[in-house]
Amino acid sequence: MVEASSDALADTANGEPKVLRVSLADKVHNARSFLQDLPKPDVVESVRSRFSRPLERTPWYCVSLADKFRQRLPSQLADEVHTIVEALDRA
């Protein structure tokens, strides 16, 4: 399930619920961590360098992914990742 939920392989439009839940949990953890580290510029730059997408497309990608989670797995976690991603996009 973890391999199936990697960014390169995950299909949030058609993925099965258990794979989507693992992927959502991973995204929530990542978003929470990134939000917590936002006031630390050296940490933020280090984290951003790990994204597989170009930096200028990262906010769009994250918001799109959060929207898909809310559609496919309506839940408190899906709402939370969406809220955090929007906050990060505004930062």
PDB file of N, CA and C in Angstrom:
ATOM      1  N   MET A   1       0.821  -1.198   0.000  1.00  0.00           N
ATOM      2  CA  MET A   1       0.000   0.000   0.000  1.00  0.00           C
ATOM      3  C   MET A   1       0.857   1.250   0.000  1.00  0.00           C
ATOM      4  N   VAL A   2       1.955   1.242   0.745  1.00  0.00           N
ATOM      5  CA  VAL A   2       2.822   2.417   0.789  1.00  0.00           C
ATOM      6  C   VAL A   2       3.406   2.696  -0.589  1.00  0.00           C
ATOM      7  N   GLU A   3       3.877   1.663  -1.276  1.00  0.00           N
ATOM      8  CA  GLU A   3       4.416   1.861  -2.620  1.00  0.00           C
ATOM      9  C   GLU A   3       3.343   2.395  -3.561  1.00  0.00           C
ATOM     10  N   ALA A   4       2.137   1.870  -3.459  1.00  0.00           N
ATOM     11  CA  ALA A   4       1.045   2.291  -4.332  1.00  0.00           C
ATOM     12  C   ALA A   4       0.629   3.735  -4.075  1.00  0.00           C
ATOM     13  N   SER A   5       0.929   4.251  -2.882  1.00  0.00           N
ATOM     14  CA  SER A   5       0.502   5.615  -2.557  1.00  0.00           C
ATOM     15  C   SER A   5       1.608   6.643  -2.757  1.00  0.00           C
ATOM     16  N   SER A   6       2.741   6.223  -3.322  1.00  0.00           N
ATOM     17  CA  SER A   6       3.802   7.203  -3.581  1.00  0.00           C
ATOM     18  C   SER A   6       3.310   8.200  -4.622  1.00  0.00           C
ATOM     19  N   ASP A   7       3.836   9.421  -4.585  1.00  0.00           N
ATOM     20  CA  ASP A   7       3.384  10.460  -5.509  1.00  0.00           C
ATOM     21  C   ASP A   7       3.499  10.040  -6.964  1.00  0.00           C
ATOM     22  N   ALA A   8       4.505   9.259  -7.279  1.00  0.00           N
ATOM     23  CA  ALA A   8       4.708   8.862  -8.663  1.00  0.00           C
ATOM     24  C   ALA A   8       3.654   7.865  -9.133  1.00  0.00           C
ATOM     25  N   LEU A   9       3.073   7.110  -8.212  1.00  0.00           N
ATOM     26  CA  LEU A   9       2.157   6.043  -8.597  1.00  0.00           C
ATOM     27  C   LEU A   9       0.715   6.264  -8.179  1.00  0.00           C
ATOM     28  N   ALA A  10       0.465   7.116  -7.179  1.00  0.00           N
ATOM     29  CA  ALA A  10      -0.881   7.273  -6.627  1.00  0.00           C
ATOM     30  C   ALA A  10      -1.831   7.852  -7.664  1.00  0.00           C
ATOM     31  N   ASP A  11      -3.005   7.268  -7.760  1.00  0.00           N
ATOM     32  CA  ASP A  11      -4.062   7.782  -8.620  1.00  0.00           C
ATOM     33  C   ASP A  11      -5.192   8.202  -7.696  1.00  0.00           C
ATOM     34  N   THR A  12      -5.198   9.469  -7.309  1.00  0.00           N
ATOM     35  CA  THR A  12      -6.191   9.919  -6.336  1.00  0.00           C
ATOM     36  C   THR A  12      -7.589   9.968  -6.926  1.00  0.00           C
ATOM     37  N   ALA A  13      -7.718   9.917  -8.230  1.00  0.00           N
ATOM     38  CA  ALA A  13      -9.042   9.927  -8.836  1.00  0.00           C
ATOM     39  C   ALA A  13      -9.680   8.542  -8.803  1.00  0.00           C
ATOM     40  N   ASN A  14      -8.866   7.490  -8.889  1.00  0.00           N
ATOM     41  CA  ASN A  14      -9.411   6.141  -8.994  1.00  0.00           C
ATOM     42  C   ASN A  14      -8.859   5.166  -7.967  1.00  0.00           C
ATOM     43  N   GLY A  15      -7.969   5.617  -7.089  1.00  0.00           N
ATOM     44  CA  GLY A  15      -7.339   4.714  -6.131  1.00  0.00           C
ATOM     45  C   GLY A  15      -8.327   4.096  -5.169  1.00  0.00           C
ATOM     46  N   GLU A  16      -7.973   2.924  -4.735  1.00  0.00           N
ATOM     47  CA  GLU A  16      -8.875   2.267  -3.777  1.00  0.00           C
ATOM     48  C   GLU A  16      -8.762   2.934  -2.407  1.00  0.00           C
ATOM     49  N   PRO A  17      -9.842   2.900  -1.623  1.00  0.00           N
ATOM     50  CA  PRO A  17      -9.885   3.648  -0.363  1.00  0.00           C
ATOM     51  C   PRO A  17      -8.731   3.382   0.595  1.00  0.00           C
ATOM     52  N   LYS A  18      -8.279   2.129   0.737  1.00  0.00           N
ATOM     53  CA  LYS A  18      -7.210   1.881   1.707  1.00  0.00           C
ATOM     54  C   LYS A  18      -5.900   2.520   1.270  1.00  0.00           C
ATOM     55  N   VAL A  19      -5.625   2.535  -0.036  1.00  0.00           N
ATOM     56  CA  VAL A  19      -4.422   3.197  -0.538  1.00  0.00           C
ATOM     57  C   VAL A  19      -4.556   4.706  -0.370  1.00  0.00           C
ATOM     58  N   LEU A  20      -5.733   5.228  -0.636  1.00  0.00           N
ATOM     59  CA  LEU A  20      -5.963   6.667  -0.468  1.00  0.00           C
ATOM     60  C   LEU A  20      -5.789   7.084   0.993  1.00  0.00           C
ATOM     61  N   ARG A  21      -6.230   6.248   1.923  1.00  0.00           N
ATOM     62  CA  ARG A  21      -6.077   6.574   3.356  1.00  0.00           C
ATOM     63  C   ARG A  21      -4.607   6.646   3.754  1.00  0.00           C
ATOM     64  N   VAL A  22      -3.803   5.718   3.259  1.00  0.00           N
ATOM     65  CA  VAL A  22      -2.364   5.747   3.558  1.00  0.00           C
ATOM     66  C   VAL A  22      -1.744   7.005   2.953  1.00  0.00           C
ATOM     67  N   SER A  23      -2.088   7.302   1.719  1.00  0.00           N
ATOM     68  CA  SER A  23      -1.563   8.490   1.064  1.00  0.00           C
ATOM     69  C   SER A  23      -2.005   9.760   1.792  1.00  0.00           C
ATOM     70  N   LEU A  24      -3.269   9.826   2.191  1.00  0.00           N
ATOM     71  CA  LEU A  24      -3.778  10.987   2.925  1.00  0.00           C
ATOM     72  C   LEU A  24      -3.047  11.161   4.249  1.00  0.00           C
ATOM     73  N   ALA A  25      -2.857  10.084   4.983  1.00  0.00           N
ATOM     74  CA  ALA A  25      -2.145  10.166   6.263  1.00  0.00           C
ATOM     75  C   ALA A  25      -0.727  10.700   6.048  1.00  0.00           C
ATOM     76  N   ASP A  26      -0.070  10.250   5.002  1.00  0.00           N
ATOM     77  CA  ASP A  26       1.272  10.728   4.685  1.00  0.00           C
ATOM     78  C   ASP A  26       1.249  12.219   4.352  1.00  0.00           C
ATOM     79  N   LYS A  27       0.280  12.648   3.546  1.00  0.00           N
ATOM     80  CA  LYS A  27       0.200  14.059   3.157  1.00  0.00           C
ATOM     81  C   LYS A  27      -0.116  14.946   4.357  1.00  0.00           C
ATOM     82  N   VAL A  28      -0.989  14.479   5.251  1.00  0.00           N
ATOM     83  CA  VAL A  28      -1.303  15.262   6.451  1.00  0.00           C
ATOM     84  C   VAL A  28      -0.053  15.413   7.309  1.00  0.00           C
ATOM     85  N   HIS A  29       0.673  14.333   7.497  1.00  0.00           N
ATOM     86  CA  HIS A  29       1.903  14.404   8.291  1.00  0.00           C
ATOM     87  C   HIS A  29       2.893  15.376   7.658  1.00  0.00           C
ATOM     88  N   ASN A  30       3.084  15.268   6.357  1.00  0.00           N
ATOM     89  CA  ASN A  30       4.016  16.157   5.665  1.00  0.00           C
ATOM     90  C   ASN A  30       3.579  17.613   5.771  1.00  0.00           C
ATOM     91  N   ALA A  31       2.296  17.873   5.573  1.00  0.00           N
ATOM     92  CA  ALA A  31       1.790  19.249   5.640  1.00  0.00           C
ATOM     93  C   ALA A  31       1.926  19.818   7.045  1.00  0.00           C
ATOM     94  N   ARG A  32       1.595  19.030   8.057  1.00  0.00           N
ATOM     95  CA  ARG A  32       1.750  19.486   9.448  1.00  0.00           C
ATOM     96  C   ARG A  32       3.209  19.817   9.743  1.00  0.00           C
ATOM     97  N   SER A  33       4.110  18.944   9.329  1.00  0.00           N
ATOM     98  CA  SER A  33       5.536  19.153   9.578  1.00  0.00           C
ATOM     99  C   SER A  33       6.036  20.400   8.870  1.00  0.00           C
ATOM    100  N   PHE A  34       5.632  20.561   7.621  1.00  0.00           N
ATOM    101  CA  PHE A  34       6.067  21.722   6.859  1.00  0.00           C
ATOM    102  C   PHE A  34       5.540  23.011   7.488  1.00  0.00           C
ATOM    103  N   LEU A  35       4.282  23.004   7.917  1.00  0.00           N
ATOM    104  CA  LEU A  35       3.694  24.180   8.562  1.00  0.00           C
ATOM    105  C   LEU A  35       4.435  24.515   9.853  1.00  0.00           C
ATOM    106  N   GLN A  36       4.780  23.507  10.613  1.00  0.00           N
ATOM    107  CA  GLN A  36       5.514  23.707  11.859  1.00  0.00           C
ATOM    108  C   GLN A  36       6.906  24.278  11.593  1.00  0.00           C
ATOM    109  N   ASP A  37       7.522  23.880  10.494  1.00  0.00           N
ATOM    110  CA  ASP A  37       8.876  24.329  10.172  1.00  0.00           C
ATOM    111  C   ASP A  37       8.917  25.636   9.392  1.00  0.00           C
ATOM    112  N   LEU A  38       7.768  26.146   8.981  1.00  0.00           N
ATOM    113  CA  LEU A  38       7.710  27.349   8.152  1.00  0.00           C
ATOM    114  C   LEU A  38       8.487  28.537   8.723  1.00  0.00           C
ATOM    115  N   PRO A  39       8.458  28.775  10.043  1.00  0.00           N
ATOM    116  CA  PRO A  39       9.217  29.917  10.572  1.00  0.00           C
ATOM    117  C   PRO A  39      10.734  29.728  10.534  1.00  0.00           C
ATOM    118  N   LYS A  40      11.193  28.562  10.142  1.00  0.00           N
ATOM    119  CA  LYS A  40      12.633  28.263  10.122  1.00  0.00           C
ATOM    120  C   LYS A  40      13.100  28.202   8.662  1.00  0.00           C
ATOM    121  N   PRO A  41      13.553  29.334   8.092  1.00  0.00           N
ATOM    122  CA  PRO A  41      13.880  29.377   6.652  1.00  0.00           C
ATOM    123  C   PRO A  41      14.863  28.310   6.192  1.00  0.00           C
ATOM    124  N   ASP A  42      15.870  27.995   6.983  1.00  0.00           N
ATOM    125  CA  ASP A  42      16.845  26.984   6.558  1.00  0.00           C
ATOM    126  C   ASP A  42      16.205  25.605   6.449  1.00  0.00           C
ATOM    127  N   VAL A  43      15.275  25.305   7.349  1.00  0.00           N
ATOM    128  CA  VAL A  43      14.575  24.017   7.312  1.00  0.00           C
ATOM    129  C   VAL A  43      13.622  23.978   6.125  1.00  0.00           C
ATOM    130  N   VAL A  44      12.910  25.077   5.890  1.00  0.00           N
ATOM    131  CA  VAL A  44      11.949  25.138   4.786  1.00  0.00           C
ATOM    132  C   VAL A  44      12.652  24.882   3.452  1.00  0.00           C
ATOM    133  N   GLU A  45      13.783  25.515   3.237  1.00  0.00           N
ATOM    134  CA  GLU A  45      14.509  25.330   1.982  1.00  0.00           C
ATOM    135  C   GLU A  45      14.965  23.880   1.820  1.00  0.00           C
ATOM    136  N   SER A  46      15.382  23.258   2.907  1.00  0.00           N
ATOM    137  CA  SER A  46      15.790  21.862   2.874  1.00  0.00           C
ATOM    138  C   SER A  46      14.611  20.958   2.513  1.00  0.00           C
ATOM    139  N   VAL A  47      13.459  21.225   3.101  1.00  0.00           N
ATOM    140  CA  VAL A  47      12.259  20.429   2.824  1.00  0.00           C
ATOM    141  C   VAL A  47      11.821  20.624   1.384  1.00  0.00           C
ATOM    142  N   ARG A  48      11.788  21.860   0.920  1.00  0.00           N
ATOM    143  CA  ARG A  48      11.353  22.139  -0.457  1.00  0.00           C
ATOM    144  C   ARG A  48      12.230  21.434  -1.480  1.00  0.00           C
ATOM    145  N   SER A  49      13.494  21.272  -1.162  1.00  0.00           N
ATOM    146  CA  SER A  49      14.401  20.625  -2.113  1.00  0.00           C
ATOM    147  C   SER A  49      14.074  19.147  -2.303  1.00  0.00           C
ATOM    148  N   ARG A  50      13.269  18.585  -1.406  1.00  0.00           N
ATOM    149  CA  ARG A  50      12.902  17.165  -1.511  1.00  0.00           C
ATOM    150  C   ARG A  50      11.680  16.919  -2.382  1.00  0.00           C
ATOM    151  N   PHE A  51      10.944  17.982  -2.756  1.00  0.00           N
ATOM    152  CA  PHE A  51       9.762  17.802  -3.592  1.00  0.00           C
ATOM    153  C   PHE A  51      10.171  17.289  -4.960  1.00  0.00           C
ATOM    154  N   SER A  52       9.376  16.366  -5.498  1.00  0.00           N
ATOM    155  CA  SER A  52       9.689  15.809  -6.817  1.00  0.00           C
ATOM    156  C   SER A  52       9.202  16.715  -7.936  1.00  0.00           C
ATOM    157  N   ARG A  53       8.324  17.634  -7.635  1.00  0.00           N
ATOM    158  CA  ARG A  53       7.784  18.557  -8.630  1.00  0.00           C
ATOM    159  C   ARG A  53       8.585  19.858  -8.608  1.00  0.00           C
ATOM    160  N   PRO A  54       8.597  20.600  -9.719  1.00  0.00           N
ATOM    161  CA  PRO A  54       9.273  21.911  -9.703  1.00  0.00           C
ATOM    162  C   PRO A  54       8.659  22.800  -8.623  1.00  0.00           C
ATOM    163  N   LEU A  55       9.481  23.590  -7.968  1.00  0.00           N
ATOM    164  CA  LEU A  55       9.033  24.400  -6.843  1.00  0.00           C
ATOM    165  C   LEU A  55       7.866  25.310  -7.204  1.00  0.00           C
ATOM    166  N   GLU A  56       7.875  25.882  -8.402  1.00  0.00           N
ATOM    167  CA  GLU A  56       6.787  26.795  -8.770  1.00  0.00           C
ATOM    168  C   GLU A  56       5.458  26.067  -8.973  1.00  0.00           C
ATOM    169  N   ARG A  57       5.485  24.748  -9.188  1.00  0.00           N
ATOM    170  CA  ARG A  57       4.244  23.977  -9.357  1.00  0.00           C
ATOM    171  C   ARG A  57       3.797  23.288  -8.071  1.00  0.00           C
ATOM    172  N   THR A  58       4.606  23.352  -7.020  1.00  0.00           N
ATOM    173  CA  THR A  58       4.283  22.641  -5.782  1.00  0.00           C
ATOM    174  C   THR A  58       2.979  23.107  -5.151  1.00  0.00           C
ATOM    175  N   PRO A  59       2.734  24.425  -4.989  1.00  0.00           N
ATOM    176  CA  PRO A  59       1.453  24.838  -4.378  1.00  0.00           C
ATOM    177  C   PRO A  59       0.241  24.365  -5.172  1.00  0.00           C
ATOM    178  N   TRP A  60       0.297  24.492  -6.506  1.00  0.00           N
ATOM    179  CA  TRP A  60      -0.813  24.043  -7.339  1.00  0.00           C
ATOM    180  C   TRP A  60      -1.033  22.541  -7.168  1.00  0.00           C
ATOM    181  N   TYR A  61       0.042  21.783  -7.197  1.00  0.00           N
ATOM    182  CA  TYR A  61      -0.044  20.337  -7.050  1.00  0.00           C
ATOM    183  C   TYR A  61      -0.655  19.959  -5.706  1.00  0.00           C
ATOM    184  N   CYS A  62      -0.197  20.586  -4.642  1.00  0.00           N
ATOM    185  CA  CYS A  62      -0.684  20.251  -3.299  1.00  0.00           C
ATOM    186  C   CYS A  62      -2.157  20.607  -3.130  1.00  0.00           C
ATOM    187  N   VAL A  63      -2.570  21.768  -3.631  1.00  0.00           N
ATOM    188  CA  VAL A  63      -3.978  22.158  -3.542  1.00  0.00           C
ATOM    189  C   VAL A  63      -4.832  21.193  -4.355  1.00  0.00           C
ATOM    190  N   SER A  64      -4.385  20.836  -5.544  1.00  0.00           N
ATOM    191  CA  SER A  64      -5.141  19.887  -6.380  1.00  0.00           C
ATOM    192  C   SER A  64      -5.275  18.533  -5.693  1.00  0.00           C
ATOM    193  N   LEU A  65      -4.188  18.077  -5.100  1.00  0.00           N
ATOM    194  CA  LEU A  65      -4.206  16.801  -4.396  1.00  0.00           C
ATOM    195  C   LEU A  65      -5.149  16.859  -3.193  1.00  0.00           C
ATOM    196  N   ALA A  66      -5.088  17.948  -2.441  1.00  0.00           N
ATOM    197  CA  ALA A  66      -5.974  18.112  -1.280  1.00  0.00           C
ATOM    198  C   ALA A  66      -7.438  18.117  -1.723  1.00  0.00           C
ATOM    199  N   ASP A  67      -7.733  18.769  -2.842  1.00  0.00           N
ATOM    200  CA  ASP A  67      -9.108  18.775  -3.370  1.00  0.00           C
ATOM    201  C   ASP A  67      -9.572  17.360  -3.711  1.00  0.00           C
ATOM    202  N   LYS A  68      -8.696  16.579  -4.318  1.00  0.00           N
ATOM    203  CA  LYS A  68      -9.059  15.191  -4.669  1.00  0.00           C
ATOM    204  C   LYS A  68      -9.335  14.363  -3.420  1.00  0.00           C
ATOM    205  N   PHE A  69      -8.517  14.545  -2.379  1.00  0.00           N
ATOM    206  CA  PHE A  69      -8.762  13.808  -1.140  1.00  0.00           C
ATOM    207  C   PHE A  69     -10.121  14.172  -0.554  1.00  0.00           C
ATOM    208  N   ARG A  70     -10.473  15.442  -0.597  1.00  0.00           N
ATOM    209  CA  ARG A  70     -11.777  15.851  -0.056  1.00  0.00           C
ATOM    210  C   ARG A  70     -12.926  15.246  -0.851  1.00  0.00           C
ATOM    211  N   GLN A  71     -12.729  15.090  -2.158  1.00  0.00           N
ATOM    212  CA  GLN A  71     -13.767  14.478  -3.002  1.00  0.00           C
ATOM    213  C   GLN A  71     -13.874  12.979  -2.771  1.00  0.00           C
ATOM    214  N   ARG A  72     -12.715  12.305  -2.721  1.00  0.00           N
ATOM    215  CA  ARG A  72     -12.701  10.838  -2.647  1.00  0.00           C
ATOM    216  C   ARG A  72     -12.827  10.282  -1.238  1.00  0.00           C
ATOM    217  N   LEU A  73     -12.305  11.028  -0.241  1.00  0.00           N
ATOM    218  CA  LEU A  73     -12.331  10.567   1.152  1.00  0.00           C
ATOM    219  C   LEU A  73     -12.770  11.706   2.069  1.00  0.00           C
ATOM    220  N   PRO A  74     -14.015  12.128   1.967  1.00  0.00           N
ATOM    221  CA  PRO A  74     -14.455  13.224   2.832  1.00  0.00           C
ATOM    222  C   PRO A  74     -14.238  12.839   4.302  1.00  0.00           C
ATOM    223  N   SER A  75     -13.455  13.658   4.995  1.00  0.00           N
ATOM    224  CA  SER A  75     -13.129  13.346   6.379  1.00  0.00           C
ATOM    225  C   SER A  75     -12.459  14.551   7.022  1.00  0.00           C
ATOM    226  N   GLN A  76     -12.276  14.458   8.322  1.00  0.00           N
ATOM    227  CA  GLN A  76     -11.583  15.511   9.053  1.00  0.00           C
ATOM    228  C   GLN A  76     -10.141  15.641   8.548  1.00  0.00           C
ATOM    229  N   LEU A  77      -9.476  14.528   8.286  1.00  0.00           N
ATOM    230  CA  LEU A  77      -8.097  14.580   7.784  1.00  0.00           C
ATOM    231  C   LEU A  77      -8.018  15.227   6.402  1.00  0.00           C
ATOM    232  N   ALA A  78      -8.964  14.919   5.536  1.00  0.00           N
ATOM    233  CA  ALA A  78      -8.969  15.533   4.213  1.00  0.00           C
ATOM    234  C   ALA A  78      -9.192  17.036   4.330  1.00  0.00           C
ATOM    235  N   ASP A  79     -10.085  17.440   5.216  1.00  0.00           N
ATOM    236  CA  ASP A  79     -10.302  18.869   5.445  1.00  0.00           C
ATOM    237  C   ASP A  79      -9.056  19.524   6.029  1.00  0.00           C
ATOM    238  N   GLU A  80      -8.390  18.824   6.941  1.00  0.00           N
ATOM    239  CA  GLU A  80      -7.194  19.382   7.573  1.00  0.00           C
ATOM    240  C   GLU A  80      -6.075  19.586   6.559  1.00  0.00           C
ATOM    241  N   VAL A  81      -5.813  18.596   5.733  1.00  0.00           N
ATOM    242  CA  VAL A  81      -4.729  18.761   4.763  1.00  0.00           C
ATOM    243  C   VAL A  81      -5.061  19.890   3.794  1.00  0.00           C
ATOM    244  N   HIS A  82      -6.330  20.029   3.436  1.00  0.00           N
ATOM    245  CA  HIS A  82      -6.736  21.115   2.553  1.00  0.00           C
ATOM    246  C   HIS A  82      -6.496  22.470   3.204  1.00  0.00           C
ATOM    247  N   THR A  83      -6.871  22.619   4.460  1.00  0.00           N
ATOM    248  CA  THR A  83      -6.678  23.862   5.200  1.00  0.00           C
ATOM    249  C   THR A  83      -5.187  24.214   5.323  1.00  0.00           C
ATOM    250  N   ILE A  84      -4.388  23.232   5.657  1.00  0.00           N
ATOM    251  CA  ILE A  84      -2.946  23.468   5.828  1.00  0.00           C
ATOM    252  C   ILE A  84      -2.314  23.847   4.486  1.00  0.00           C
ATOM    253  N   VAL A  85      -2.663  23.149   3.438  1.00  0.00           N
ATOM    254  CA  VAL A  85      -2.091  23.422   2.128  1.00  0.00           C
ATOM    255  C   VAL A  85      -2.474  24.831   1.671  1.00  0.00           C
ATOM    256  N   GLU A  86      -3.701  25.242   1.906  1.00  0.00           N
ATOM    257  CA  GLU A  86      -4.103  26.610   1.552  1.00  0.00           C
ATOM    258  C   GLU A  86      -3.293  27.625   2.352  1.00  0.00           C
ATOM    259  N   ALA A  87      -3.076  27.358   3.638  1.00  0.00           N
ATOM    260  CA  ALA A  87      -2.274  28.262   4.466  1.00  0.00           C
ATOM    261  C   ALA A  87      -0.842  28.337   3.950  1.00  0.00           C
ATOM    262  N   LEU A  88      -0.289  27.214   3.573  1.00  0.00           N
ATOM    263  CA  LEU A  88       1.070  27.192   3.042  1.00  0.00           C
ATOM    264  C   LEU A  88       1.146  27.931   1.710  1.00  0.00           C
ATOM    265  N   ASP A  89       0.115  27.816   0.907  1.00  0.00           N
ATOM    266  CA  ASP A  89       0.088  28.492  -0.393  1.00  0.00           C
ATOM    267  C   ASP A  89       0.072  30.005  -0.216  1.00  0.00           C
ATOM    268  N   ARG A  90      -0.553  30.486   0.853  1.00  0.00           N
ATOM    269  CA  ARG A  90      -0.612  31.923   1.133  1.00  0.00           C
ATOM    270  C   ARG A  90       0.660  32.438   1.807  1.00  0.00           C
ATOM    271  N   ALA A  91       1.440  31.536   2.377  1.00  0.00           N
ATOM    272  CA  ALA A  91       2.636  31.962   3.126  1.00  0.00           C
ATOM    273  C   ALA A  91       3.749  32.439   2.228  1.00  0.00           C
TER     274      ALA A  91
END
